[in-house]
Amino acid sequence: MNLELWHSLLARNKVNILAVSVDNIVDQGIVRLLVDKTEPAVKLMKRAGLSPVLTTVVVKKLRDQAGSLSRSARKLSRARINIDYVYGSAGVGQKEALLVFRVSDPVKADRLI
């Protein structure tokens, strides 16, 4: 199922995608979605024949300025928290960026960032 179909399926059912990351790995892809209604999204995906996997992530708004991500990564590193992946962005002219972190210790990371 391509990203347009995912979006269409979720949009028709009033599930809003807050953030998305797409990775193309040879013959398959990984689509990471942050949505406003997790349970309905999972049910819809399963009905569509997909196999969603839920993971705990830390979602933060950081100031949209040079060095914000670096400072957050440094705090996590000093606390020995590994970053598995991070994605996000800020809209043009926005003062904050929305970032999604998958980390080894989400509870501690949430306090630090």
N, C-alpha and C. Protein backbone atom coordinates (compact mmCIF):
# COMPACT_ATOMS: atom_id res chain seq x y z
N MET A 1 0.86 -1.18 0.00
CA MET A 1 0.00 0.00 0.00
C MET A 1 0.90 1.24 0.00
N ASN A 2 0.66 2.15 -0.90
CA ASN A 2 1.52 3.34 -0.97
C ASN A 2 1.05 4.42 0.01
N LEU A 3 1.89 5.41 0.18
CA LEU A 3 1.62 6.45 1.17
C LEU A 3 0.33 7.20 0.88
N GLU A 4 0.04 7.44 -0.39
CA GLU A 4 -1.20 8.13 -0.74
C GLU A 4 -2.42 7.34 -0.28
N LEU A 5 -2.38 6.02 -0.43
CA LEU A 5 -3.50 5.19 0.02
C LEU A 5 -3.62 5.18 1.54
N TRP A 6 -2.48 5.16 2.24
CA TRP A 6 -2.51 5.23 3.71
C TRP A 6 -3.19 6.52 4.14
N HIS A 7 -2.73 7.61 3.55
CA HIS A 7 -3.27 8.92 3.91
C HIS A 7 -4.75 8.97 3.64
N SER A 8 -5.15 8.50 2.49
CA SER A 8 -6.56 8.50 2.10
C SER A 8 -7.40 7.68 3.08
N LEU A 9 -6.92 6.49 3.42
CA LEU A 9 -7.62 5.62 4.36
C LEU A 9 -7.79 6.30 5.70
N LEU A 10 -6.74 6.90 6.20
CA LEU A 10 -6.81 7.57 7.50
C LEU A 10 -7.65 8.84 7.44
N ALA A 11 -7.48 9.62 6.39
CA ALA A 11 -8.21 10.89 6.26
C ALA A 11 -9.72 10.65 6.18
N ARG A 12 -10.12 9.64 5.42
CA ARG A 12 -11.55 9.33 5.31
C ARG A 12 -12.16 8.99 6.67
N ASN A 13 -11.33 8.52 7.56
CA ASN A 13 -11.80 8.11 8.89
C ASN A 13 -11.40 9.10 9.97
N LYS A 14 -11.05 10.31 9.55
CA LYS A 14 -10.77 11.43 10.45
C LYS A 14 -9.61 11.17 11.43
N VAL A 15 -8.60 10.43 10.94
CA VAL A 15 -7.37 10.23 11.70
C VAL A 15 -6.34 11.16 11.07
N ASN A 16 -5.81 12.07 11.86
CA ASN A 16 -4.86 13.07 11.36
C ASN A 16 -3.43 12.58 11.53
N ILE A 17 -2.64 12.68 10.47
CA ILE A 17 -1.22 12.34 10.53
C ILE A 17 -0.48 13.59 11.00
N LEU A 18 0.20 13.48 12.15
CA LEU A 18 0.92 14.61 12.73
C LEU A 18 2.36 14.67 12.23
N ALA A 19 2.94 13.49 11.95
CA ALA A 19 4.31 13.40 11.44
C ALA A 19 4.44 12.10 10.67
N VAL A 20 5.33 12.10 9.67
CA VAL A 20 5.53 10.89 8.86
C VAL A 20 7.00 10.79 8.46
N SER A 21 7.47 9.56 8.40
CA SER A 21 8.82 9.25 7.92
C SER A 21 8.69 8.01 7.04
N VAL A 22 9.31 8.05 5.87
CA VAL A 22 9.24 6.91 4.95
C VAL A 22 10.66 6.53 4.56
N ASP A 23 10.98 5.24 4.74
CA ASP A 23 12.28 4.70 4.35
C ASP A 23 12.06 3.61 3.32
N ASN A 24 12.82 3.66 2.23
CA ASN A 24 12.75 2.64 1.19
C ASN A 24 13.92 1.69 1.38
N ILE A 25 13.61 0.44 1.68
CA ILE A 25 14.65 -0.57 1.91
C ILE A 25 14.47 -1.68 0.88
N VAL A 26 15.26 -1.65 -0.18
CA VAL A 26 15.26 -2.61 -1.28
C VAL A 26 13.84 -2.92 -1.76
N ASP A 27 13.25 -4.02 -1.33
CA ASP A 27 11.94 -4.43 -1.84
C ASP A 27 10.78 -4.09 -0.92
N GLN A 28 11.05 -3.34 0.12
CA GLN A 28 9.97 -2.97 1.03
C GLN A 28 10.24 -1.58 1.59
N GLY A 29 9.28 -1.07 2.30
CA GLY A 29 9.45 0.24 2.90
C GLY A 29 9.00 0.23 4.35
N ILE A 30 9.48 1.21 5.08
CA ILE A 30 9.05 1.41 6.45
C ILE A 30 8.39 2.78 6.51
N VAL A 31 7.14 2.79 6.93
CA VAL A 31 6.41 4.04 7.08
C VAL A 31 6.17 4.24 8.58
N ARG A 32 6.67 5.33 9.09
CA ARG A 32 6.46 5.66 10.49
C ARG A 32 5.46 6.81 10.54
N LEU A 33 4.41 6.60 11.30
CA LEU A 33 3.37 7.62 11.41
C LEU A 33 3.14 7.99 12.86
N LEU A 34 2.99 9.26 13.10
CA LEU A 34 2.52 9.76 14.38
C LEU A 34 1.13 10.31 14.09
N VAL A 35 0.12 9.72 14.72
CA VAL A 35 -1.26 10.11 14.44
C VAL A 35 -1.94 10.60 15.71
N ASP A 36 -3.05 11.30 15.51
CA ASP A 36 -3.77 11.82 16.67
C ASP A 36 -4.69 10.78 17.32
N LYS A 37 -5.01 9.70 16.61
CA LYS A 37 -5.89 8.66 17.14
C LYS A 37 -5.28 7.30 16.84
N THR A 38 -4.49 6.80 17.78
CA THR A 38 -3.72 5.58 17.54
C THR A 38 -4.60 4.35 17.34
N GLU A 39 -5.52 4.09 18.26
CA GLU A 39 -6.32 2.87 18.18
C GLU A 39 -7.12 2.78 16.89
N PRO A 40 -7.85 3.83 16.48
CA PRO A 40 -8.56 3.74 15.21
C PRO A 40 -7.62 3.53 14.02
N ALA A 41 -6.45 4.16 14.05
CA ALA A 41 -5.49 4.01 12.95
C ALA A 41 -5.02 2.57 12.85
N VAL A 42 -4.72 1.94 13.98
CA VAL A 42 -4.27 0.55 13.98
C VAL A 42 -5.37 -0.36 13.43
N LYS A 43 -6.59 -0.15 13.86
CA LYS A 43 -7.72 -0.97 13.39
C LYS A 43 -7.90 -0.83 11.88
N LEU A 44 -7.83 0.40 11.39
CA LEU A 44 -7.98 0.64 9.95
C LEU A 44 -6.88 -0.05 9.15
N MET A 45 -5.66 0.05 9.63
CA MET A 45 -4.53 -0.57 8.93
C MET A 45 -4.66 -2.09 8.90
N LYS A 46 -5.06 -2.66 10.02
CA LYS A 46 -5.25 -4.12 10.07
C LYS A 46 -6.35 -4.55 9.11
N ARG A 47 -7.44 -3.80 9.07
CA ARG A 47 -8.53 -4.12 8.14
C ARG A 47 -8.07 -4.04 6.69
N ALA A 48 -7.08 -3.17 6.43
CA ALA A 48 -6.57 -3.00 5.08
C ALA A 48 -5.49 -4.04 4.75
N GLY A 49 -5.24 -4.97 5.69
CA GLY A 49 -4.27 -6.03 5.44
C GLY A 49 -2.84 -5.67 5.79
N LEU A 50 -2.66 -4.61 6.52
CA LEU A 50 -1.33 -4.19 6.93
C LEU A 50 -1.01 -4.75 8.31
N SER A 51 0.24 -4.71 8.68
CA SER A 51 0.67 -5.21 9.99
C SER A 51 1.36 -4.09 10.76
N PRO A 52 0.59 -3.19 11.35
CA PRO A 52 1.21 -2.08 12.07
C PRO A 52 1.93 -2.57 13.33
N VAL A 53 3.02 -1.90 13.64
CA VAL A 53 3.80 -2.18 14.84
C VAL A 53 3.81 -0.89 15.66
N LEU A 54 3.39 -0.98 16.90
CA LEU A 54 3.38 0.20 17.77
C LEU A 54 4.71 0.30 18.51
N THR A 55 5.25 1.50 18.57
CA THR A 55 6.46 1.75 19.33
C THR A 55 6.26 3.01 20.17
N THR A 56 6.94 3.05 21.28
CA THR A 56 6.89 4.22 22.13
C THR A 56 7.91 5.23 21.63
N VAL A 57 7.46 6.44 21.44
CA VAL A 57 8.34 7.51 20.99
C VAL A 57 8.18 8.70 21.93
N VAL A 58 9.13 9.59 21.86
CA VAL A 58 9.07 10.85 22.62
C VAL A 58 8.86 11.96 21.59
N VAL A 59 7.81 12.72 21.77
CA VAL A 59 7.48 13.81 20.85
C VAL A 59 7.73 15.13 21.56
N LYS A 60 8.56 15.95 20.95
CA LYS A 60 8.92 17.22 21.57
C LYS A 60 8.85 18.36 20.56
N LYS A 61 8.50 19.51 21.05
CA LYS A 61 8.61 20.74 20.27
C LYS A 61 9.86 21.45 20.75
N LEU A 62 10.77 21.69 19.81
CA LEU A 62 12.00 22.41 20.12
C LEU A 62 12.00 23.73 19.37
N ARG A 63 12.72 24.70 19.89
CA ARG A 63 12.85 25.97 19.16
C ARG A 63 13.46 25.70 17.80
N ASP A 64 12.90 26.31 16.78
CA ASP A 64 13.41 26.13 15.42
C ASP A 64 14.59 27.08 15.23
N GLN A 65 15.75 26.63 15.71
CA GLN A 65 16.96 27.42 15.57
C GLN A 65 18.15 26.47 15.50
N ALA A 66 19.21 26.94 14.91
CA ALA A 66 20.42 26.14 14.78
C ALA A 66 20.89 25.66 16.15
N GLY A 67 21.17 24.36 16.26
CA GLY A 67 21.70 23.79 17.49
C GLY A 67 20.69 23.14 18.41
N SER A 68 19.40 23.33 18.18
CA SER A 68 18.40 22.75 19.08
C SER A 68 18.48 21.22 19.12
N LEU A 69 18.55 20.60 17.96
CA LEU A 69 18.64 19.14 17.91
C LEU A 69 19.96 18.67 18.51
N SER A 70 21.03 19.37 18.22
CA SER A 70 22.35 19.01 18.75
C SER A 70 22.36 19.04 20.28
N ARG A 71 21.76 20.06 20.86
CA ARG A 71 21.70 20.16 22.33
C ARG A 71 20.91 19.00 22.92
N SER A 72 19.81 18.65 22.28
CA SER A 72 18.98 17.53 22.77
C SER A 72 19.75 16.21 22.65
N ALA A 73 20.42 16.00 21.53
CA ALA A 73 21.20 14.78 21.33
C ALA A 73 22.33 14.68 22.35
N ARG A 74 22.96 15.81 22.66
CA ARG A 74 24.04 15.83 23.65
C ARG A 74 23.52 15.43 25.03
N LYS A 75 22.34 15.95 25.41
CA LYS A 75 21.75 15.59 26.70
C LYS A 75 21.48 14.10 26.78
N LEU A 76 20.95 13.55 25.69
CA LEU A 76 20.66 12.12 25.67
C LEU A 76 21.95 11.31 25.74
N SER A 77 22.95 11.73 25.00
CA SER A 77 24.24 11.03 25.00
C SER A 77 24.86 11.01 26.38
N ARG A 78 24.85 12.15 27.05
CA ARG A 78 25.43 12.23 28.40
C ARG A 78 24.70 11.33 29.39
N ALA A 79 23.40 11.11 29.13
CA ALA A 79 22.60 10.23 30.00
C ALA A 79 22.65 8.78 29.52
N ARG A 80 23.48 8.52 28.51
CA ARG A 80 23.65 7.17 27.94
C ARG A 80 22.34 6.62 27.37
N ILE A 81 21.58 7.50 26.74
CA ILE A 81 20.34 7.11 26.07
C ILE A 81 20.60 7.08 24.57
N ASN A 82 20.42 5.92 23.97
CA ASN A 82 20.65 5.77 22.53
C ASN A 82 19.46 6.29 21.74
N ILE A 83 19.75 6.96 20.63
CA ILE A 83 18.71 7.40 19.71
C ILE A 83 18.66 6.38 18.58
N ASP A 84 17.55 5.68 18.44
CA ASP A 84 17.37 4.72 17.35
C ASP A 84 17.06 5.47 16.05
N TYR A 85 16.18 6.44 16.14
CA TYR A 85 15.90 7.32 15.01
C TYR A 85 15.19 8.57 15.51
N VAL A 86 15.23 9.59 14.67
CA VAL A 86 14.54 10.84 14.96
C VAL A 86 14.08 11.41 13.63
N TYR A 87 12.88 11.98 13.62
CA TYR A 87 12.40 12.68 12.43
C TYR A 87 11.50 13.82 12.86
N GLY A 88 11.30 14.75 11.97
CA GLY A 88 10.44 15.88 12.28
C GLY A 88 10.75 17.05 11.38
N SER A 89 10.04 18.14 11.61
CA SER A 89 10.30 19.36 10.84
C SER A 89 9.52 20.52 11.44
N ALA A 90 9.82 21.68 10.92
CA ALA A 90 9.10 22.90 11.30
C ALA A 90 8.50 23.49 10.03
N GLY A 91 7.36 24.07 10.15
CA GLY A 91 6.78 24.76 9.01
C GLY A 91 7.56 26.04 8.74
N VAL A 92 7.50 26.50 7.54
CA VAL A 92 8.19 27.73 7.17
C VAL A 92 7.69 28.87 8.05
N GLY A 93 8.62 29.58 8.65
CA GLY A 93 8.27 30.72 9.49
C GLY A 93 7.81 30.36 10.89
N GLN A 94 7.82 29.08 11.25
CA GLN A 94 7.39 28.67 12.59
C GLN A 94 8.53 28.86 13.58
N LYS A 95 8.18 29.02 14.85
CA LYS A 95 9.19 29.21 15.89
C LYS A 95 9.60 27.90 16.54
N GLU A 96 8.81 26.84 16.30
CA GLU A 96 9.10 25.55 16.90
C GLU A 96 9.10 24.45 15.84
N ALA A 97 9.90 23.42 16.11
CA ALA A 97 9.94 22.23 15.27
C ALA A 97 9.37 21.07 16.08
N LEU A 98 8.60 20.21 15.42
CA LEU A 98 8.08 19.01 16.06
C LEU A 98 9.04 17.88 15.73
N LEU A 99 9.59 17.22 16.77
CA LEU A 99 10.53 16.13 16.57
C LEU A 99 10.03 14.88 17.26
N VAL A 100 10.23 13.75 16.59
CA VAL A 100 9.82 12.44 17.10
C VAL A 100 11.09 11.63 17.33
N PHE A 101 11.33 11.23 18.57
CA PHE A 101 12.52 10.48 18.95
C PHE A 101 12.14 9.06 19.34
N ARG A 102 12.83 8.07 18.78
CA ARG A 102 12.73 6.69 19.25
C ARG A 102 14.04 6.45 19.98
N VAL A 103 13.94 6.23 21.30
CA VAL A 103 15.13 6.15 22.14
C VAL A 103 15.09 4.92 23.04
N SER A 104 16.24 4.60 23.63
CA SER A 104 16.35 3.43 24.49
C SER A 104 15.65 3.59 25.84
N ASP A 105 15.47 4.82 26.30
CA ASP A 105 14.80 5.07 27.58
C ASP A 105 13.85 6.26 27.41
N PRO A 106 12.62 6.00 26.90
CA PRO A 106 11.71 7.10 26.61
C PRO A 106 11.32 7.94 27.84
N VAL A 107 11.17 7.30 28.99
CA VAL A 107 10.75 8.04 30.19
C VAL A 107 11.83 9.05 30.59
N LYS A 108 13.05 8.58 30.64
CA LYS A 108 14.17 9.47 31.02
C LYS A 108 14.39 10.55 29.95
N ALA A 109 14.30 10.14 28.68
CA ALA A 109 14.49 11.10 27.59
C ALA A 109 13.45 12.20 27.62
N ASP A 110 12.22 11.83 27.94
CA ASP A 110 11.13 12.82 27.99
C ASP A 110 11.42 13.88 29.04
N ARG A 111 12.02 13.48 30.13
CA ARG A 111 12.38 14.45 31.19
C ARG A 111 13.55 15.34 30.79
N LEU A 112 14.50 14.77 30.04
CA LEU A 112 15.72 15.50 29.71
C LEU A 112 15.57 16.53 28.59
N ILE A 113 14.74 16.22 27.63
CA ILE A 113 14.64 17.09 26.45
C ILE A 113 13.63 18.20 26.72
